[in-house]
N, C-alpha and C. Protein backbone atom coordinates (compact mmCIF):
# COMPACT_ATOMS: atom_id res chain seq x y z
N UNK A 1 44.50 -43.61 14.44
CA UNK A 1 45.04 -42.62 15.38
C UNK A 1 46.17 -43.29 16.19
N UNK A 2 47.26 -42.59 16.28
CA UNK A 2 48.37 -43.19 17.04
C UNK A 2 48.21 -42.92 18.53
N UNK A 3 49.06 -43.55 19.34
CA UNK A 3 48.95 -43.45 20.79
C UNK A 3 49.14 -41.99 21.27
N UNK A 4 50.08 -41.28 20.69
CA UNK A 4 50.35 -39.91 21.10
C UNK A 4 49.11 -39.01 20.86
N UNK A 5 48.43 -39.19 19.70
CA UNK A 5 47.29 -38.39 19.43
C UNK A 5 46.15 -38.76 20.40
N UNK A 6 46.02 -40.07 20.72
CA UNK A 6 44.99 -40.48 21.66
C UNK A 6 45.27 -39.91 23.04
N UNK A 7 46.52 -39.88 23.46
CA UNK A 7 46.91 -39.31 24.78
C UNK A 7 46.59 -37.81 24.75
N UNK A 8 46.82 -37.15 23.64
CA UNK A 8 46.49 -35.70 23.54
C UNK A 8 44.98 -35.49 23.71
N UNK A 9 44.19 -36.33 23.04
CA UNK A 9 42.72 -36.21 23.20
C UNK A 9 42.32 -36.48 24.65
N UNK A 10 42.91 -37.47 25.27
CA UNK A 10 42.60 -37.73 26.67
C UNK A 10 42.92 -36.56 27.54
N UNK A 11 44.04 -35.91 27.28
CA UNK A 11 44.46 -34.76 28.10
C UNK A 11 43.49 -33.61 27.89
N UNK A 12 43.04 -33.40 26.66
CA UNK A 12 42.02 -32.36 26.41
C UNK A 12 40.75 -32.64 27.21
N UNK A 13 40.32 -33.91 27.26
CA UNK A 13 39.11 -34.27 28.05
C UNK A 13 39.34 -34.02 29.53
N UNK A 14 40.53 -34.42 30.02
CA UNK A 14 40.89 -34.20 31.43
C UNK A 14 40.89 -32.70 31.76
N UNK A 15 41.41 -31.89 30.88
CA UNK A 15 41.43 -30.45 31.06
C UNK A 15 39.99 -29.88 31.09
N UNK A 16 39.11 -30.39 30.25
CA UNK A 16 37.72 -29.94 30.25
C UNK A 16 37.00 -30.33 31.51
N UNK A 17 37.45 -31.39 32.21
CA UNK A 17 36.79 -31.84 33.44
C UNK A 17 37.17 -31.08 34.67
N UNK A 18 38.05 -30.06 34.53
CA UNK A 18 38.52 -29.29 35.68
C UNK A 18 38.01 -27.84 35.52
N UNK A 19 36.73 -27.60 35.84
CA UNK A 19 36.13 -26.25 35.61
C UNK A 19 36.72 -25.17 36.49
N UNK A 20 37.25 -25.47 37.64
CA UNK A 20 37.75 -24.46 38.58
C UNK A 20 39.19 -24.09 38.34
N UNK A 21 39.77 -24.49 37.24
CA UNK A 21 41.17 -24.20 36.93
C UNK A 21 41.36 -22.70 36.68
N UNK A 22 42.41 -22.14 37.23
CA UNK A 22 42.75 -20.74 37.05
C UNK A 22 42.79 -20.42 35.55
N UNK A 23 42.17 -19.31 35.12
CA UNK A 23 42.11 -18.98 33.70
C UNK A 23 43.48 -18.86 33.04
N UNK A 24 44.47 -18.32 33.78
CA UNK A 24 45.83 -18.25 33.17
C UNK A 24 46.42 -19.62 32.98
N UNK A 25 46.23 -20.51 33.94
CA UNK A 25 46.72 -21.89 33.81
C UNK A 25 46.04 -22.59 32.65
N UNK A 26 44.76 -22.41 32.53
CA UNK A 26 43.99 -23.04 31.46
C UNK A 26 44.52 -22.52 30.12
N UNK A 27 44.70 -21.24 29.99
CA UNK A 27 45.17 -20.66 28.71
C UNK A 27 46.57 -21.19 28.37
N UNK A 28 47.45 -21.29 29.38
CA UNK A 28 48.78 -21.81 29.17
C UNK A 28 48.72 -23.26 28.65
N UNK A 29 47.94 -24.08 29.35
CA UNK A 29 47.83 -25.50 28.94
C UNK A 29 47.21 -25.63 27.56
N UNK A 30 46.11 -24.90 27.32
CA UNK A 30 45.46 -25.01 25.98
C UNK A 30 46.38 -24.53 24.88
N UNK A 31 47.16 -23.48 25.12
CA UNK A 31 48.09 -22.98 24.13
C UNK A 31 49.18 -24.00 23.77
N UNK A 32 49.73 -24.60 24.86
CA UNK A 32 50.79 -25.63 24.66
C UNK A 32 50.22 -26.84 23.94
N UNK A 33 49.01 -27.25 24.33
CA UNK A 33 48.41 -28.40 23.65
C UNK A 33 48.11 -28.11 22.20
N UNK A 34 47.65 -26.91 21.88
CA UNK A 34 47.38 -26.54 20.51
C UNK A 34 48.66 -26.55 19.69
N UNK A 35 49.76 -26.05 20.24
CA UNK A 35 51.03 -26.08 19.51
C UNK A 35 51.44 -27.51 19.24
N UNK A 36 51.30 -28.39 20.22
CA UNK A 36 51.68 -29.77 20.04
C UNK A 36 50.77 -30.46 19.02
N UNK A 37 49.47 -30.16 19.10
CA UNK A 37 48.57 -30.76 18.14
C UNK A 37 48.88 -30.35 16.74
N UNK A 38 49.28 -29.13 16.52
CA UNK A 38 49.71 -28.70 15.17
C UNK A 38 50.96 -29.43 14.73
N UNK A 39 51.88 -29.67 15.67
CA UNK A 39 53.12 -30.39 15.34
C UNK A 39 52.83 -31.83 14.95
N UNK A 40 51.78 -32.41 15.55
CA UNK A 40 51.43 -33.83 15.29
C UNK A 40 50.59 -33.98 14.07
N UNK A 41 50.01 -32.89 13.54
CA UNK A 41 49.14 -33.00 12.37
C UNK A 41 49.95 -33.44 11.17
N UNK A 42 49.32 -34.29 10.31
CA UNK A 42 49.97 -34.70 9.10
C UNK A 42 50.38 -33.48 8.23
N UNK A 43 51.43 -33.64 7.46
CA UNK A 43 51.89 -32.55 6.56
C UNK A 43 50.70 -32.03 5.78
N UNK A 44 50.62 -30.74 5.55
CA UNK A 44 49.55 -30.14 4.84
C UNK A 44 48.38 -29.71 5.71
N UNK A 45 48.22 -30.35 6.87
CA UNK A 45 47.15 -29.98 7.78
C UNK A 45 47.62 -28.96 8.81
N UNK A 46 48.92 -28.95 9.10
CA UNK A 46 49.47 -28.09 10.14
C UNK A 46 49.51 -26.66 9.63
N UNK A 47 49.08 -25.75 10.50
CA UNK A 47 49.21 -24.34 10.15
C UNK A 47 50.46 -23.78 10.76
N UNK A 48 51.32 -23.28 9.92
CA UNK A 48 52.60 -22.74 10.42
C UNK A 48 53.65 -23.82 10.60
N UNK A 49 54.71 -23.48 11.21
CA UNK A 49 55.84 -24.40 11.33
C UNK A 49 55.71 -25.19 12.63
N UNK A 50 56.52 -26.25 12.70
CA UNK A 50 56.53 -27.09 13.91
C UNK A 50 57.18 -26.29 15.04
N UNK A 51 56.51 -26.26 16.22
CA UNK A 51 57.08 -25.48 17.29
C UNK A 51 58.36 -26.12 17.89
N UNK A 52 59.12 -25.31 18.61
CA UNK A 52 60.31 -25.89 19.26
C UNK A 52 59.81 -26.65 20.54
N UNK A 53 60.68 -26.97 21.43
CA UNK A 53 60.34 -27.73 22.59
C UNK A 53 59.61 -26.96 23.66
N UNK A 54 59.37 -25.67 23.48
CA UNK A 54 58.71 -24.82 24.49
C UNK A 54 57.38 -25.37 24.95
N UNK A 55 56.53 -25.92 24.05
CA UNK A 55 55.24 -26.45 24.58
C UNK A 55 55.40 -27.58 25.58
N UNK A 56 56.31 -28.47 25.36
CA UNK A 56 56.52 -29.57 26.31
C UNK A 56 57.04 -29.00 27.62
N UNK A 57 57.98 -28.02 27.54
CA UNK A 57 58.47 -27.37 28.73
C UNK A 57 57.36 -26.67 29.47
N UNK A 58 56.50 -26.01 28.76
CA UNK A 58 55.36 -25.28 29.36
C UNK A 58 54.44 -26.27 30.04
N UNK A 59 54.19 -27.42 29.40
CA UNK A 59 53.33 -28.42 30.04
C UNK A 59 53.95 -28.95 31.33
N UNK A 60 55.23 -29.23 31.35
CA UNK A 60 55.88 -29.72 32.55
C UNK A 60 55.80 -28.70 33.64
N UNK A 61 56.02 -27.42 33.31
CA UNK A 61 55.96 -26.34 34.28
C UNK A 61 54.54 -26.25 34.85
N UNK A 62 53.55 -26.38 33.99
CA UNK A 62 52.15 -26.32 34.40
C UNK A 62 51.82 -27.50 35.33
N UNK A 63 52.37 -28.69 35.03
CA UNK A 63 52.12 -29.86 35.87
C UNK A 63 52.62 -29.62 37.28
N UNK A 64 53.77 -28.98 37.37
CA UNK A 64 54.35 -28.70 38.71
C UNK A 64 53.38 -27.76 39.50
N UNK A 65 52.88 -26.76 38.85
CA UNK A 65 51.98 -25.82 39.55
C UNK A 65 50.61 -26.44 39.83
N UNK A 66 50.18 -27.41 39.06
CA UNK A 66 48.85 -28.04 39.24
C UNK A 66 48.85 -29.11 40.32
N UNK A 67 50.02 -29.60 40.67
CA UNK A 67 50.16 -30.80 41.51
C UNK A 67 49.31 -30.74 42.77
N UNK A 68 49.30 -29.64 43.45
CA UNK A 68 48.60 -29.55 44.75
C UNK A 68 47.07 -29.54 44.58
N UNK A 69 46.59 -28.65 43.70
CA UNK A 69 45.14 -28.46 43.60
C UNK A 69 44.49 -29.43 42.60
N UNK A 70 45.19 -29.92 41.63
CA UNK A 70 44.60 -30.74 40.60
C UNK A 70 45.56 -31.93 40.25
N UNK A 71 45.76 -32.84 41.21
CA UNK A 71 46.75 -33.89 40.97
C UNK A 71 46.40 -34.79 39.82
N UNK A 72 45.14 -35.03 39.54
CA UNK A 72 44.76 -35.87 38.42
C UNK A 72 45.15 -35.23 37.08
N UNK A 73 44.88 -33.95 36.95
CA UNK A 73 45.25 -33.25 35.73
C UNK A 73 46.77 -33.14 35.60
N UNK A 74 47.46 -32.90 36.75
CA UNK A 74 48.94 -32.83 36.70
C UNK A 74 49.52 -34.17 36.25
N UNK A 75 48.94 -35.28 36.71
CA UNK A 75 49.41 -36.58 36.29
C UNK A 75 49.19 -36.83 34.79
N UNK A 76 48.02 -36.40 34.30
CA UNK A 76 47.73 -36.55 32.88
C UNK A 76 48.69 -35.72 32.02
N UNK A 77 49.01 -34.53 32.49
CA UNK A 77 49.95 -33.66 31.79
C UNK A 77 51.32 -34.31 31.77
N UNK A 78 51.76 -34.84 32.89
CA UNK A 78 53.06 -35.49 32.95
C UNK A 78 53.17 -36.70 32.06
N UNK A 79 52.05 -37.48 32.05
CA UNK A 79 52.00 -38.66 31.18
C UNK A 79 52.16 -38.26 29.70
N UNK A 80 51.53 -37.12 29.35
CA UNK A 80 51.62 -36.65 27.99
C UNK A 80 53.03 -36.18 27.65
N UNK A 81 53.62 -35.47 28.59
CA UNK A 81 54.99 -35.00 28.38
C UNK A 81 55.95 -36.21 28.22
N UNK A 82 55.75 -37.25 29.01
CA UNK A 82 56.52 -38.48 28.87
C UNK A 82 56.33 -39.11 27.49
N UNK A 83 55.07 -39.12 27.03
CA UNK A 83 54.78 -39.70 25.73
C UNK A 83 55.47 -38.89 24.63
N UNK A 84 55.48 -37.56 24.78
CA UNK A 84 56.17 -36.72 23.82
C UNK A 84 57.67 -37.02 23.78
N UNK A 85 58.24 -37.21 24.96
CA UNK A 85 59.64 -37.51 25.01
C UNK A 85 59.98 -38.84 24.39
N UNK A 86 59.14 -39.83 24.62
CA UNK A 86 59.37 -41.12 24.02
C UNK A 86 59.21 -41.10 22.50
N UNK A 87 58.39 -40.15 21.99
CA UNK A 87 58.22 -40.02 20.56
C UNK A 87 59.29 -39.12 19.93
N UNK A 88 60.15 -38.59 20.78
CA UNK A 88 61.22 -37.74 20.31
C UNK A 88 60.81 -36.30 19.98
N UNK A 89 59.74 -35.88 20.62
CA UNK A 89 59.21 -34.53 20.37
C UNK A 89 59.54 -33.64 21.58
């Protein structure tokens, strides 16, 4: 497993640890993470085409909104967005 996939798994765990998260925020984050996970899947495993940069943008936007109430989750989201950028995604 590469570092980006491990960071994605860590972010999923962090998201699961925040039970009081607004349902719309949770759906937005889970959708963006699912899109990114499909993009990272080896060829043949991904369903559909590779998404554009919208999931990373959605994650950054969500991190901004989460900063006040869930700073730990916001930090994890930002770390993942940084890892995506470093990987050229």
